[in-house]
């Protein structure tokens, strides 16, 4: 089957292909005479404020406690020794949030048992909870929460015993 330029469809396709090649090989170098109206007040790719810089730190239950979101503070919580910055979830973990009791604390047992009660939290002046009595299902549940937090929030430190630092 031969290519027939007598056919109007073939002629139109050939012209379109040639035009497209010309636009690719010789792009337009002209600059618009006026700025687009949506940029009247200027445009910058820079954010209005730099997000706070986070350093990976070692926390103890006592040094983690102030990061509970009160007075605009960052919100940190720990699960199985990994500290997450959950400030982006202030509505959940900040003051008056559904999970506010986990803010600034080790939330391992509560996440494993799917319980948000105060008795799931180890007092900050006590040794870290070893979690020895958790069932395999509860440990798997805690790992699921760790995967969730790792994909959604920034890991900003590790939690160690109070006398370890």
N, C-alpha and C. Protein backbone atom coordinates (compact mmCIF):
# COMPACT_ATOMS: atom_id res chain seq x y z
N UNK A 1 0.84 -1.16 0.00
CA UNK A 1 0.00 0.00 0.00
C UNK A 1 0.90 1.24 0.00
N UNK A 2 0.71 2.08 -0.95
CA UNK A 2 1.54 3.27 -1.12
C UNK A 2 0.89 4.46 -0.44
N UNK A 3 1.73 5.42 -0.12
CA UNK A 3 1.26 6.64 0.51
C UNK A 3 0.80 7.58 -0.60
N UNK A 4 -0.47 7.91 -0.61
CA UNK A 4 -1.06 8.70 -1.69
C UNK A 4 -1.37 10.10 -1.18
N UNK A 5 -0.64 11.12 -1.71
CA UNK A 5 -0.89 12.49 -1.30
C UNK A 5 -2.16 13.06 -1.92
N UNK A 6 -2.74 12.32 -2.86
CA UNK A 6 -3.99 12.76 -3.47
C UNK A 6 -5.15 12.62 -2.50
N UNK A 7 -4.98 11.78 -1.51
CA UNK A 7 -6.01 11.59 -0.50
C UNK A 7 -5.92 12.75 0.50
N UNK A 8 -7.00 13.51 0.73
CA UNK A 8 -6.94 14.67 1.62
C UNK A 8 -6.55 14.32 3.06
N UNK A 9 -6.94 13.16 3.54
CA UNK A 9 -6.59 12.77 4.91
C UNK A 9 -5.09 12.58 5.02
N UNK A 10 -4.48 11.92 4.06
CA UNK A 10 -3.02 11.72 4.08
C UNK A 10 -2.30 13.06 3.98
N UNK A 11 -2.78 13.96 3.17
CA UNK A 11 -2.16 15.28 3.03
C UNK A 11 -2.23 16.04 4.36
N UNK A 12 -3.39 16.01 5.01
CA UNK A 12 -3.55 16.70 6.30
C UNK A 12 -2.63 16.09 7.35
N UNK A 13 -2.53 14.76 7.40
CA UNK A 13 -1.65 14.10 8.37
C UNK A 13 -0.19 14.45 8.12
N UNK A 14 0.23 14.47 6.86
CA UNK A 14 1.61 14.81 6.53
C UNK A 14 1.92 16.25 6.97
N UNK A 15 1.01 17.17 6.69
CA UNK A 15 1.22 18.56 7.09
C UNK A 15 1.30 18.68 8.62
N UNK A 16 0.45 17.96 9.33
CA UNK A 16 0.47 17.99 10.80
C UNK A 16 1.79 17.44 11.33
N UNK A 17 2.26 16.35 10.77
CA UNK A 17 3.53 15.73 11.21
C UNK A 17 4.68 16.69 10.95
N UNK A 18 4.73 17.30 9.78
CA UNK A 18 5.80 18.24 9.46
C UNK A 18 5.76 19.45 10.40
N UNK A 19 4.57 19.96 10.68
CA UNK A 19 4.42 21.10 11.59
C UNK A 19 4.93 20.72 13.00
N UNK A 20 4.56 19.53 13.48
CA UNK A 20 4.98 19.08 14.82
C UNK A 20 6.50 18.93 14.88
N UNK A 21 7.10 18.38 13.85
CA UNK A 21 8.56 18.23 13.82
C UNK A 21 9.23 19.60 13.82
N UNK A 22 8.67 20.54 13.05
CA UNK A 22 9.23 21.89 12.99
C UNK A 22 9.17 22.56 14.37
N UNK A 23 8.08 22.36 15.14
CA UNK A 23 7.95 22.95 16.48
C UNK A 23 8.95 22.35 17.47
N UNK A 24 9.27 21.07 17.28
CA UNK A 24 10.22 20.40 18.17
C UNK A 24 11.65 20.83 17.83
N UNK A 25 11.99 20.82 16.56
CA UNK A 25 13.35 21.14 16.12
C UNK A 25 13.65 22.63 16.29
N UNK A 26 12.70 23.49 15.99
CA UNK A 26 12.89 24.93 16.07
C UNK A 26 11.85 25.53 17.04
N UNK A 27 12.07 25.36 18.36
CA UNK A 27 11.08 25.89 19.31
C UNK A 27 11.06 27.42 19.29
N UNK A 28 9.95 27.96 19.69
CA UNK A 28 9.78 29.41 19.72
C UNK A 28 10.63 29.99 20.84
N UNK A 29 11.41 30.99 20.54
CA UNK A 29 12.27 31.62 21.55
C UNK A 29 11.74 32.97 21.98
N UNK A 30 10.54 33.28 21.59
CA UNK A 30 10.00 34.60 21.92
C UNK A 30 9.56 34.65 23.37
N UNK A 31 9.71 35.84 23.95
CA UNK A 31 9.31 36.08 25.33
C UNK A 31 7.97 36.81 25.31
N UNK A 32 7.01 36.41 26.16
CA UNK A 32 5.73 37.11 26.17
C UNK A 32 5.92 38.59 26.50
N UNK A 33 5.13 39.45 25.86
CA UNK A 33 5.25 40.89 26.06
C UNK A 33 4.72 41.32 27.43
N UNK A 34 3.74 40.61 27.98
CA UNK A 34 3.19 40.94 29.30
C UNK A 34 3.22 39.70 30.17
N UNK A 35 3.34 39.93 31.48
CA UNK A 35 3.33 38.83 32.43
C UNK A 35 1.90 38.31 32.56
N UNK A 36 1.74 37.02 32.79
CA UNK A 36 0.40 36.48 33.01
C UNK A 36 -0.26 37.18 34.20
N UNK A 37 -1.56 37.36 34.12
CA UNK A 37 -2.28 38.13 35.15
C UNK A 37 -2.22 37.47 36.52
N UNK A 38 -2.08 36.15 36.62
CA UNK A 38 -2.05 35.51 37.94
C UNK A 38 -0.76 35.81 38.70
N UNK A 39 0.24 36.42 38.03
CA UNK A 39 1.49 36.73 38.70
C UNK A 39 1.67 38.25 38.86
N UNK A 40 0.59 38.99 38.94
CA UNK A 40 0.67 40.45 39.03
C UNK A 40 1.49 40.90 40.25
N UNK A 41 1.30 40.22 41.35
CA UNK A 41 1.99 40.62 42.58
C UNK A 41 3.35 39.94 42.71
N UNK A 42 3.82 39.35 41.66
CA UNK A 42 5.10 38.66 41.70
C UNK A 42 4.91 37.19 42.03
N UNK A 43 5.91 36.45 41.73
CA UNK A 43 5.85 35.01 41.97
C UNK A 43 7.23 34.57 42.44
N UNK A 44 7.24 33.72 43.42
CA UNK A 44 8.48 33.13 43.88
C UNK A 44 8.22 31.69 44.25
N UNK A 45 9.18 30.86 44.01
CA UNK A 45 9.03 29.46 44.37
C UNK A 45 9.44 29.21 45.82
N UNK A 46 9.97 30.24 46.45
CA UNK A 46 10.39 30.09 47.84
C UNK A 46 9.17 30.06 48.76
N UNK A 47 9.18 29.18 49.77
CA UNK A 47 8.06 29.18 50.72
C UNK A 47 8.08 30.44 51.56
N UNK A 48 6.92 30.79 52.14
CA UNK A 48 6.82 32.00 52.96
C UNK A 48 7.72 31.90 54.19
N UNK A 49 7.82 30.72 54.76
CA UNK A 49 8.69 30.52 55.92
C UNK A 49 9.37 29.17 55.78
N UNK A 50 10.60 29.12 56.22
CA UNK A 50 11.34 27.86 56.15
C UNK A 50 10.80 26.92 57.21
N UNK A 51 10.54 25.65 56.85
CA UNK A 51 10.08 24.73 57.89
C UNK A 51 11.18 24.52 58.93
N UNK A 52 10.80 24.22 60.16
CA UNK A 52 11.83 24.07 61.19
C UNK A 52 12.77 22.91 60.85
N UNK A 53 14.02 23.13 61.10
CA UNK A 53 15.03 22.12 60.85
C UNK A 53 14.99 21.10 61.99
N UNK A 54 15.02 19.84 61.63
CA UNK A 54 14.99 18.78 62.63
C UNK A 54 16.32 18.06 62.65
N UNK A 55 16.86 17.88 63.83
CA UNK A 55 18.07 17.10 63.99
C UNK A 55 17.70 15.79 64.64
N UNK A 56 18.35 14.72 64.20
CA UNK A 56 18.13 13.43 64.83
C UNK A 56 18.79 13.48 66.20
N UNK A 57 18.00 13.27 67.25
CA UNK A 57 18.49 13.38 68.61
C UNK A 57 18.13 12.14 69.41
N UNK A 58 18.79 12.01 70.53
CA UNK A 58 18.47 10.96 71.48
C UNK A 58 17.63 11.59 72.59
N UNK A 59 16.46 11.01 72.82
CA UNK A 59 15.53 11.52 73.82
C UNK A 59 15.40 10.51 74.95
N UNK A 60 15.07 11.01 76.12
CA UNK A 60 14.67 10.17 77.25
C UNK A 60 13.20 10.49 77.50
N UNK A 61 12.50 9.69 78.29
CA UNK A 61 11.11 10.04 78.59
C UNK A 61 10.97 11.45 79.19
N UNK A 62 11.95 11.88 79.98
CA UNK A 62 11.87 13.21 80.58
C UNK A 62 12.12 14.32 79.55
N UNK A 63 13.04 14.10 78.62
CA UNK A 63 13.31 15.15 77.62
C UNK A 63 12.28 15.14 76.50
N UNK A 64 11.55 14.04 76.35
CA UNK A 64 10.50 13.96 75.32
C UNK A 64 9.21 14.62 75.79
N UNK A 65 8.96 14.62 77.09
CA UNK A 65 7.70 15.11 77.66
C UNK A 65 7.33 16.54 77.27
N UNK A 66 8.26 17.49 77.18
CA UNK A 66 7.85 18.86 76.82
C UNK A 66 7.30 19.00 75.39
N UNK A 67 7.54 18.03 74.54
CA UNK A 67 7.10 18.12 73.15
C UNK A 67 5.69 17.56 73.00
N UNK A 68 4.75 18.20 73.70
CA UNK A 68 3.36 17.74 73.72
C UNK A 68 2.43 18.66 72.94
N UNK A 69 2.99 19.65 72.26
CA UNK A 69 2.18 20.53 71.42
C UNK A 69 1.59 21.73 72.12
N UNK A 70 1.77 21.85 73.42
CA UNK A 70 1.22 23.01 74.11
C UNK A 70 2.07 24.24 73.81
N UNK A 71 1.43 25.40 73.77
CA UNK A 71 2.10 26.67 73.47
C UNK A 71 2.77 26.65 72.09
N UNK A 72 2.20 25.92 71.15
CA UNK A 72 2.73 25.90 69.79
C UNK A 72 3.98 25.06 69.60
N UNK A 73 4.36 24.30 70.62
CA UNK A 73 5.55 23.45 70.55
C UNK A 73 5.37 22.36 69.50
N UNK A 74 6.49 21.78 69.08
CA UNK A 74 6.44 20.60 68.22
C UNK A 74 5.81 19.45 69.00
N UNK A 75 5.30 18.48 68.28
CA UNK A 75 4.67 17.31 68.91
C UNK A 75 5.46 16.09 68.50
N UNK A 76 6.02 15.41 69.49
CA UNK A 76 6.79 14.19 69.26
C UNK A 76 6.13 13.06 70.03
N UNK A 77 6.24 11.86 69.48
CA UNK A 77 5.85 10.66 70.23
C UNK A 77 6.77 9.53 69.82
N UNK A 78 6.87 8.53 70.66
CA UNK A 78 7.78 7.42 70.41
C UNK A 78 7.00 6.12 70.36
N UNK A 79 7.46 5.22 69.49
CA UNK A 79 6.95 3.86 69.43
C UNK A 79 8.16 2.95 69.33
N UNK A 80 8.30 2.08 70.30
CA UNK A 80 9.38 1.09 70.35
C UNK A 80 10.75 1.72 70.12
N UNK A 81 10.98 2.84 70.77
CA UNK A 81 12.29 3.48 70.73
C UNK A 81 12.51 4.44 69.57
N UNK A 82 11.58 4.55 68.65
CA UNK A 82 11.71 5.46 67.51
C UNK A 82 10.84 6.68 67.78
N UNK A 83 11.43 7.87 67.67
CA UNK A 83 10.71 9.11 67.95
C UNK A 83 10.27 9.73 66.63
N UNK A 84 8.98 10.06 66.54
CA UNK A 84 8.39 10.65 65.34
C UNK A 84 7.95 12.08 65.63
N UNK A 85 8.15 12.96 64.66
CA UNK A 85 7.63 14.32 64.76
C UNK A 85 6.26 14.32 64.10
N UNK A 86 5.21 14.36 64.91
CA UNK A 86 3.84 14.30 64.41
C UNK A 86 3.17 15.67 64.44
N UNK A 87 3.99 16.73 64.40
CA UNK A 87 3.45 18.08 64.44
C UNK A 87 2.47 18.32 63.31
N UNK A 88 2.71 17.71 62.15
CA UNK A 88 1.80 17.87 61.01
C UNK A 88 0.40 17.35 61.34
N UNK A 89 0.29 16.44 62.29
CA UNK A 89 -0.99 15.90 62.72
C UNK A 89 -1.49 16.54 64.00
N UNK A 90 -1.25 17.85 64.14
CA UNK A 90 -1.61 18.57 65.37
C UNK A 90 -3.08 18.36 65.76
N UNK A 91 -3.98 18.25 64.78
CA UNK A 91 -5.40 18.04 65.11
C UNK A 91 -5.63 16.72 65.83
N UNK A 92 -4.77 15.73 65.59
CA UNK A 92 -4.92 14.42 66.24
C UNK A 92 -4.11 14.33 67.53
N UNK A 93 -2.86 14.82 67.49
CA UNK A 93 -1.93 14.60 68.60
C UNK A 93 -1.71 15.82 69.47
N UNK A 94 -2.19 16.97 69.04
CA UNK A 94 -2.02 18.20 69.82
C UNK A 94 -3.00 18.28 70.96
N UNK A 95 -2.92 19.35 71.73
CA UNK A 95 -3.86 19.53 72.84
C UNK A 95 -5.30 19.44 72.34
N UNK A 96 -6.12 18.74 73.08
CA UNK A 96 -7.53 18.49 72.76
C UNK A 96 -7.73 17.56 71.56
N UNK A 97 -6.66 16.95 71.07
CA UNK A 97 -6.79 15.99 69.97
C UNK A 97 -7.19 14.63 70.50
N UNK A 98 -7.64 13.76 69.60
CA UNK A 98 -8.09 12.42 70.02
C UNK A 98 -6.97 11.62 70.68
N UNK A 99 -5.72 11.81 70.22
CA UNK A 99 -4.59 11.04 70.73
C UNK A 99 -3.62 11.93 71.49
N UNK A 100 -4.12 12.99 72.10
CA UNK A 100 -3.26 13.97 72.78
C UNK A 100 -2.47 13.35 73.92
N UNK A 101 -2.98 12.29 74.53
CA UNK A 101 -2.25 11.68 75.65
C UNK A 101 -0.95 11.03 75.20
N UNK A 102 -0.78 10.74 73.89
CA UNK A 102 0.46 10.15 73.40
C UNK A 102 1.53 11.21 73.11
N UNK A 103 1.16 12.47 73.02
CA UNK A 103 2.10 13.53 72.68
C UNK A 103 3.17 13.66 73.76
N UNK A 104 4.42 13.63 73.35
CA UNK A 104 5.53 13.74 74.28
C UNK A 104 5.77 12.50 75.11
N UNK A 105 5.24 11.38 74.66
CA UNK A 105 5.33 10.14 75.45
C UNK A 105 5.70 8.95 74.59
N UNK A 106 5.99 7.83 75.25
CA UNK A 106 6.20 6.55 74.58
C UNK A 106 4.82 5.91 74.40
N UNK A 107 4.38 5.80 73.17
CA UNK A 107 3.03 5.30 72.87
C UNK A 107 3.03 3.83 72.48
N UNK A 108 4.10 3.10 72.71
CA UNK A 108 4.23 1.73 72.23
C UNK A 108 3.10 0.82 72.69
N UNK A 109 2.86 0.76 73.98
CA UNK A 109 1.84 -0.15 74.52
C UNK A 109 0.45 0.25 74.03
N UNK A 110 0.15 1.52 74.04
CA UNK A 110 -1.17 1.98 73.59
C UNK A 110 -1.42 1.65 72.13
N UNK A 111 -0.41 1.84 71.28
CA UNK A 111 -0.56 1.52 69.86
C UNK A 111 -0.70 0.01 69.65
N UNK A 112 0.06 -0.77 70.42
CA UNK A 112 -0.01 -2.22 70.28
C UNK A 112 -1.38 -2.75 70.70
N UNK A 113 -1.93 -2.22 71.76
CA UNK A 113 -3.20 -2.70 72.29
C UNK A 113 -4.41 -1.94 71.75
N UNK A 114 -4.17 -0.97 70.87
CA UNK A 114 -5.26 -0.15 70.32
C UNK A 114 -6.06 0.51 71.44
N UNK A 115 -5.35 0.95 72.47
CA UNK A 115 -6.00 1.59 73.60
C UNK A 115 -5.38 2.97 73.81
N UNK A 116 -6.22 3.94 74.01
CA UNK A 116 -5.75 5.31 74.18
C UNK A 116 -5.95 5.78 75.61
N UNK A 117 -6.03 4.83 76.53
CA UNK A 117 -6.21 5.14 77.95
C UNK A 117 -4.90 5.57 78.57
N UNK A 118 -4.99 6.38 79.61
CA UNK A 118 -3.81 6.88 80.31
C UNK A 118 -2.97 5.74 80.92
N UNK A 119 -3.62 4.66 81.34
CA UNK A 119 -2.86 3.57 81.98
C UNK A 119 -1.97 2.81 81.00
N UNK A 120 -2.12 3.09 79.71
CA UNK A 120 -1.24 2.48 78.70
C UNK A 120 0.12 3.19 78.66
N UNK A 121 0.22 4.35 79.30
CA UNK A 121 1.45 5.13 79.27
C UNK A 121 2.29 4.87 80.51
N UNK A 122 3.58 4.65 80.30
CA UNK A 122 4.50 4.47 81.42
C UNK A 122 4.84 5.85 81.99
N UNK A 123 4.80 6.03 83.30
CA UNK A 123 5.20 7.32 83.88
C UNK A 123 6.62 7.70 83.43
N UNK A 124 6.84 9.00 83.22
CA UNK A 124 8.12 9.42 82.62
C UNK A 124 9.31 9.22 83.55
N UNK A 125 9.08 9.04 84.85
CA UNK A 125 10.20 8.81 85.76
C UNK A 125 10.47 7.32 85.98
N UNK A 126 9.77 6.45 85.28
CA UNK A 126 9.95 5.00 85.38
C UNK A 126 10.78 4.50 84.20
N UNK A 127 11.35 3.29 84.31
CA UNK A 127 12.07 2.73 83.16
C UNK A 127 11.12 2.51 81.97
N UNK A 128 11.69 2.47 80.78
CA UNK A 128 10.87 2.23 79.58
C UNK A 128 10.18 0.88 79.66
N UNK A 129 9.01 0.81 79.11
CA UNK A 129 8.23 -0.42 79.07
C UNK A 129 8.93 -1.41 78.14
N UNK A 130 9.23 -2.61 78.64
CA UNK A 130 9.92 -3.63 77.83
C UNK A 130 8.97 -4.35 76.88
N UNK A 131 7.68 -4.23 77.10
CA UNK A 131 6.65 -4.81 76.23
C UNK A 131 6.74 -6.33 76.13
N UNK A 132 7.27 -6.97 77.18
CA UNK A 132 7.46 -8.43 77.18
C UNK A 132 6.15 -9.20 77.18
N UNK A 133 5.09 -8.62 77.71
CA UNK A 133 3.83 -9.35 77.85
C UNK A 133 2.90 -9.19 76.65
N UNK A 134 3.36 -8.55 75.58
CA UNK A 134 2.49 -8.38 74.40
C UNK A 134 2.38 -9.68 73.62
N UNK A 135 1.20 -9.91 73.07
CA UNK A 135 0.98 -11.09 72.23
C UNK A 135 1.58 -10.83 70.84
N UNK A 136 1.79 -11.88 70.05
CA UNK A 136 2.30 -11.66 68.68
C UNK A 136 1.39 -10.76 67.85
N UNK A 137 0.07 -10.86 68.06
CA UNK A 137 -0.86 -10.00 67.32
C UNK A 137 -0.67 -8.53 67.71
N UNK A 138 -0.45 -8.29 69.01
CA UNK A 138 -0.24 -6.92 69.46
C UNK A 138 1.09 -6.35 68.94
N UNK A 139 2.11 -7.20 68.90
CA UNK A 139 3.40 -6.75 68.36
C UNK A 139 3.26 -6.43 66.87
N UNK A 140 2.53 -7.26 66.15
CA UNK A 140 2.30 -7.00 64.72
C UNK A 140 1.49 -5.72 64.52
N UNK A 141 0.54 -5.49 65.40
CA UNK A 141 -0.25 -4.26 65.35
C UNK A 141 0.66 -3.04 65.58
N UNK A 142 1.57 -3.15 66.53
CA UNK A 142 2.50 -2.05 66.80
C UNK A 142 3.41 -1.82 65.59
N UNK A 143 3.86 -2.88 64.95
CA UNK A 143 4.68 -2.74 63.74
C UNK A 143 3.91 -2.04 62.62
N UNK A 144 2.63 -2.35 62.53
CA UNK A 144 1.79 -1.68 61.53
C UNK A 144 1.71 -0.18 61.79
N UNK A 145 1.59 0.19 63.06
CA UNK A 145 1.58 1.61 63.40
C UNK A 145 2.93 2.25 63.09
N UNK A 146 4.01 1.53 63.35
CA UNK A 146 5.34 2.07 63.05
C UNK A 146 5.50 2.30 61.54
N UNK A 147 5.01 1.35 60.74
CA UNK A 147 5.06 1.53 59.28
C UNK A 147 4.25 2.75 58.86
N UNK A 148 3.07 2.90 59.46
CA UNK A 148 2.21 4.05 59.16
C UNK A 148 2.91 5.36 59.51
N UNK A 149 3.46 5.44 60.71
CA UNK A 149 4.13 6.66 61.15
C UNK A 149 5.37 6.93 60.32
N UNK A 150 6.13 5.88 59.97
CA UNK A 150 7.35 6.07 59.19
C UNK A 150 7.05 6.61 57.80
N UNK A 151 5.91 6.24 57.23
CA UNK A 151 5.58 6.72 55.89
C UNK A 151 4.92 8.10 55.92
N UNK A 152 4.39 8.51 57.07
CA UNK A 152 3.63 9.75 57.12
C UNK A 152 4.38 10.89 57.84
N UNK A 153 5.22 10.55 58.81
CA UNK A 153 5.87 11.56 59.64
C UNK A 153 7.39 11.39 59.60
N UNK A 154 8.09 12.41 60.08
CA UNK A 154 9.55 12.41 60.09
C UNK A 154 10.05 11.69 61.34
N UNK A 155 11.00 10.79 61.15
CA UNK A 155 11.69 10.15 62.28
C UNK A 155 12.76 11.13 62.73
N UNK A 156 12.68 11.55 63.97
CA UNK A 156 13.59 12.61 64.42
C UNK A 156 14.47 12.20 65.60
N UNK A 157 14.42 10.94 66.00
CA UNK A 157 15.29 10.54 67.10
C UNK A 157 15.00 9.15 67.60
N UNK A 158 15.67 8.83 68.69
CA UNK A 158 15.43 7.55 69.35
C UNK A 158 15.19 7.80 70.83
N UNK A 159 14.45 6.90 71.44
CA UNK A 159 14.11 7.01 72.86
C UNK A 159 14.93 6.01 73.65
N UNK A 160 15.60 6.50 74.69
CA UNK A 160 16.42 5.64 75.54
C UNK A 160 16.00 5.86 77.00
N UNK A 161 16.55 5.04 77.88
CA UNK A 161 16.24 5.16 79.31
C UNK A 161 16.68 6.53 79.84
N UNK A 162 16.04 6.97 80.92
CA UNK A 162 16.33 8.29 81.50
C UNK A 162 17.79 8.44 81.88
N UNK A 163 18.43 7.40 82.38
CA UNK A 163 19.82 7.53 82.84
C UNK A 163 20.82 7.21 81.73
N UNK A 164 20.37 6.96 80.50
CA UNK A 164 21.28 6.58 79.40
C UNK A 164 21.95 7.78 78.75
N UNK A 165 21.46 8.98 78.98
CA UNK A 165 22.05 10.15 78.31
C UNK A 165 22.86 10.94 79.29
